[in-house]
C-alpha atoms as a PDB file:
ATOM      1  CA  MET A   1     -10.534   6.901  -6.682  1.00  0.00           C
ATOM      2  CA  ARG A   2     -11.345   3.387  -8.418  1.00  0.00           C
ATOM      3  CA  ALA A   3     -12.160   5.272 -11.881  1.00  0.00           C
ATOM      4  CA  ARG A   4      -8.984   6.952 -11.511  1.00  0.00           C
ATOM      5  CA  ALA A   5      -7.039   3.650 -11.031  1.00  0.00           C
ATOM      6  CA  ARG A   6      -8.933   2.093 -14.195  1.00  0.00           C
ATOM      7  CA  GLN A   7      -8.086   5.295 -16.256  1.00  0.00           C
ATOM      8  CA  LEU A   8      -4.200   4.728 -15.095  1.00  0.00           C
ATOM      9  CA  ARG A   9      -4.755   1.220 -15.855  1.00  0.00           C
ATOM     10  CA  GLN A  10      -5.693   2.069 -19.548  1.00  0.00           C
ATOM     11  CA  ARG A  11      -2.944   4.392 -20.004  1.00  0.00           C
ATOM     12  CA  SER A  12      -0.120   2.408 -18.739  1.00  0.00           C
ATOM     13  CA  THR A  13       3.537   3.271 -19.989  1.00  0.00           C
ATOM     14  CA  GLU A  14       5.387   0.838 -22.171  1.00  0.00           C
ATOM     15  CA  ALA A  15       7.380  -0.086 -18.860  1.00  0.00           C
ATOM     16  CA  GLU A  16       4.592  -0.773 -16.900  1.00  0.00           C
ATOM     17  CA  LYS A  17       2.884  -2.913 -19.663  1.00  0.00           C
ATOM     18  CA  PHE A  18       6.157  -4.911 -20.046  1.00  0.00           C
ATOM     19  CA  LEU A  19       6.570  -5.270 -16.212  1.00  0.00           C
ATOM     20  CA  TRP A  20       2.946  -6.234 -15.545  1.00  0.00           C
ATOM     21  CA  SER A  21       3.624  -8.937 -18.495  1.00  0.00           C
ATOM     22  CA  LYS A  22       5.947 -10.731 -16.211  1.00  0.00           C
ATOM     23  CA  LEU A  23       3.977 -10.261 -12.791  1.00  0.00           C
ATOM     24  CA  ARG A  24       0.661 -11.055 -13.540  1.00  0.00           C
ATOM     25  CA  ALA A  25      -0.767 -14.506 -13.123  1.00  0.00           C
ATOM     26  CA  ARG A  26       1.342 -15.137 -10.363  1.00  0.00           C
ATOM     27  CA  GLN A  27       4.193 -15.705 -12.800  1.00  0.00           C
ATOM     28  CA  LEU A  28       7.031 -14.384 -10.352  1.00  0.00           C
ATOM     29  CA  ASP A  29       7.469 -16.679  -7.245  1.00  0.00           C
ATOM     30  CA  GLY A  30       3.772 -17.683  -6.883  1.00  0.00           C
ATOM     31  CA  VAL A  31       2.957 -14.150  -5.733  1.00  0.00           C
ATOM     32  CA  LYS A  32      -0.046 -12.602  -6.841  1.00  0.00           C
ATOM     33  CA  PHE A  33       0.290  -8.915  -8.001  1.00  0.00           C
ATOM     34  CA  LYS A  34      -2.425  -6.134  -8.999  1.00  0.00           C
ATOM     35  CA  ARG A  35      -1.825  -3.134 -10.801  1.00  0.00           C
ATOM     36  CA  GLN A  36      -3.086   0.533 -10.349  1.00  0.00           C
ATOM     37  CA  VAL A  37      -4.724  -0.160  -7.202  1.00  0.00           C
ATOM     38  CA  PRO A  38      -5.176   2.511  -4.164  1.00  0.00           C
ATOM     39  CA  PRO A  39      -3.743   0.624  -0.934  1.00  0.00           C
ATOM     40  CA  ALA A  40      -3.684   3.034   1.708  1.00  0.00           C
ATOM     41  CA  GLY A  41      -5.358   5.846  -0.387  1.00  0.00           C
ATOM     42  CA  TYR A  42      -2.637   6.173  -2.853  1.00  0.00           C
ATOM     43  CA  ILE A  43      -2.803   4.644  -6.343  1.00  0.00           C
ATOM     44  CA  VAL A  44       0.246   2.530  -6.837  1.00  0.00           C
ATOM     45  CA  ASP A  45       1.597   0.783 -10.005  1.00  0.00           C
ATOM     46  CA  PHE A  46       1.794  -2.713  -8.514  1.00  0.00           C
ATOM     47  CA  VAL A  47       1.288  -4.276  -5.321  1.00  0.00           C
ATOM     48  CA  SER A  48       1.366  -7.515  -3.646  1.00  0.00           C
ATOM     49  CA  LEU A  49      -1.332  -7.085  -0.922  1.00  0.00           C
ATOM     50  CA  GLU A  50      -0.234 -10.609   0.850  1.00  0.00           C
ATOM     51  CA  ARG A  51       3.483  -9.259   1.020  1.00  0.00           C
ATOM     52  CA  LYS A  52       2.481  -5.759   1.417  1.00  0.00           C
ATOM     53  CA  LEU A  53       5.252  -4.958  -1.433  1.00  0.00           C
ATOM     54  CA  ILE A  54       4.664  -2.109  -3.672  1.00  0.00           C
ATOM     55  CA  ILE A  55       6.778  -1.722  -7.078  1.00  0.00           C
ATOM     56  CA  GLU A  56       6.497   1.978  -8.576  1.00  0.00           C
ATOM     57  CA  VAL A  57       8.186   2.296 -12.487  1.00  0.00           C
ATOM     58  CA  ASP A  58       9.074   5.831 -12.556  1.00  0.00           C
ATOM     59  CA  GLY A  59       9.680   7.921 -15.648  1.00  0.00           C
ATOM     60  CA  GLY A  60      11.613  11.178 -16.173  1.00  0.00           C
ATOM     61  CA  GLN A  61       8.955  13.504 -14.603  1.00  0.00           C
ATOM     62  CA  HIS A  62       9.608  11.753 -11.177  1.00  0.00           C
ATOM     63  CA  SER A  63      12.941  13.027 -10.956  1.00  0.00           C
ATOM     64  CA  GLU A  64      11.308  16.412 -10.501  1.00  0.00           C
ATOM     65  CA  ARG A  65       8.794  15.275  -7.957  1.00  0.00           C
ATOM     66  CA  ASN A  66      11.202  13.546  -5.625  1.00  0.00           C
ATOM     67  CA  ARG A  67       9.894  15.443  -2.335  1.00  0.00           C
ATOM     68  CA  SER A  68       6.126  14.265  -3.230  1.00  0.00           C
ATOM     69  CA  ASP A  69       7.119  10.702  -4.198  1.00  0.00           C
ATOM     70  CA  GLY A  70       9.106  10.679  -0.660  1.00  0.00           C
ATOM     71  CA  GLU A  71       6.198  11.643   1.403  1.00  0.00           C
ATOM     72  CA  ARG A  72       3.942   9.242  -0.484  1.00  0.00           C
ATOM     73  CA  THR A  73       6.293   6.805   0.240  1.00  0.00           C
ATOM     74  CA  ALA A  74       6.690   7.364   3.872  1.00  0.00           C
ATOM     75  CA  ALA A  75       2.893   7.345   4.054  1.00  0.00           C
ATOM     76  CA  LEU A  76       2.592   3.904   2.597  1.00  0.00           C
ATOM     77  CA  GLU A  77       5.531   2.648   4.621  1.00  0.00           C
ATOM     78  CA  ARG A  78       3.543   3.958   7.862  1.00  0.00           C
ATOM     79  CA  CYS A  79       0.646   1.489   6.466  1.00  0.00           C
ATOM     80  CA  GLY A  80       3.129  -1.526   6.678  1.00  0.00           C
ATOM     81  CA  TYR A  81       4.070  -1.306   2.849  1.00  0.00           C
ATOM     82  CA  HIS A  82       7.460  -1.554   1.526  1.00  0.00           C
ATOM     83  CA  VAL A  83       7.984   0.352  -1.757  1.00  0.00           C
ATOM     84  CA  VAL A  84      10.501  -0.343  -4.297  1.00  0.00           C
ATOM     85  CA  ARG A  85      11.068   2.163  -7.383  1.00  0.00           C
ATOM     86  CA  PHE A  86      12.537   1.191 -10.866  1.00  0.00           C
ATOM     87  CA  TRP A  87      13.304   3.660 -13.620  1.00  0.00           C
ATOM     88  CA  ASN A  88      11.268   3.012 -16.851  1.00  0.00           C
ATOM     89  CA  ASN A  89      14.531   2.358 -18.702  1.00  0.00           C
ATOM     90  CA  ASP A  90      15.648  -0.090 -16.444  1.00  0.00           C
ATOM     91  CA  VAL A  91      12.609  -2.066 -16.589  1.00  0.00           C
ATOM     92  CA  LEU A  92      12.794  -1.745 -20.546  1.00  0.00           C
ATOM     93  CA  THR A  93      16.374  -2.756 -20.941  1.00  0.00           C
ATOM     94  CA  ASN A  94      17.168  -4.724 -17.899  1.00  0.00           C
ATOM     95  CA  ILE A  95      14.019  -6.773 -17.014  1.00  0.00           C
ATOM     96  CA  GLU A  96      15.849  -9.468 -15.602  1.00  0.00           C
ATOM     97  CA  GLY A  97      17.718  -7.472 -13.246  1.00  0.00           C
ATOM     98  CA  VAL A  98      14.550  -5.940 -12.312  1.00  0.00           C
ATOM     99  CA  LEU A  99      12.884  -9.188 -11.529  1.00  0.00           C
ATOM    100  CA  GLU A 100      15.727 -10.404  -9.425  1.00  0.00           C
ATOM    101  CA  ALA A 101      15.585  -7.204  -7.330  1.00  0.00           C
ATOM    102  CA  VAL A 102      11.848  -7.817  -6.820  1.00  0.00           C
ATOM    103  CA  LEU A 103      12.546 -11.469  -5.886  1.00  0.00           C
ATOM    104  CA  GLN A 104      15.182 -10.490  -3.490  1.00  0.00           C
ATOM    105  CA  GLU A 105      12.554  -7.965  -1.873  1.00  0.00           C
ATOM    106  CA  LEU A 106       9.944 -10.777  -1.794  1.00  0.00           C
ATOM    107  CA  HIS A 107      12.061 -12.841   0.161  1.00  0.00           C
ATOM    108  CA  LEU A 108      12.582 -10.016   2.686  1.00  0.00           C
ATOM    109  CA  THR A 109       9.109  -9.620   3.103  1.00  0.00           C
ATOM    110  CA  HIS A 110       8.203 -13.176   3.538  1.00  0.00           C
END
């Protein structure tokens, strides 16, 4: 699973790269995020392990996979994580709104 996570980090989408540039190095409210790691057996886009918050950035392919995404989210939530999702387009065109939404989630999980 680590090899797959490493591979996904190397193949990040533009939206994932852009969001990572805003989350990395504790830039958002001093919270540490990791990317493409496997908490609870699923590789997720971004996670704050200390806050148990997962951020997923979805492209168009996810609209066709709603059921499997829902099952995956439910499994992660059973492990104590809270999952929030954003569309690639939202990250690329409204990063301030996305970051504000993440901050709100962080304050709810703290």
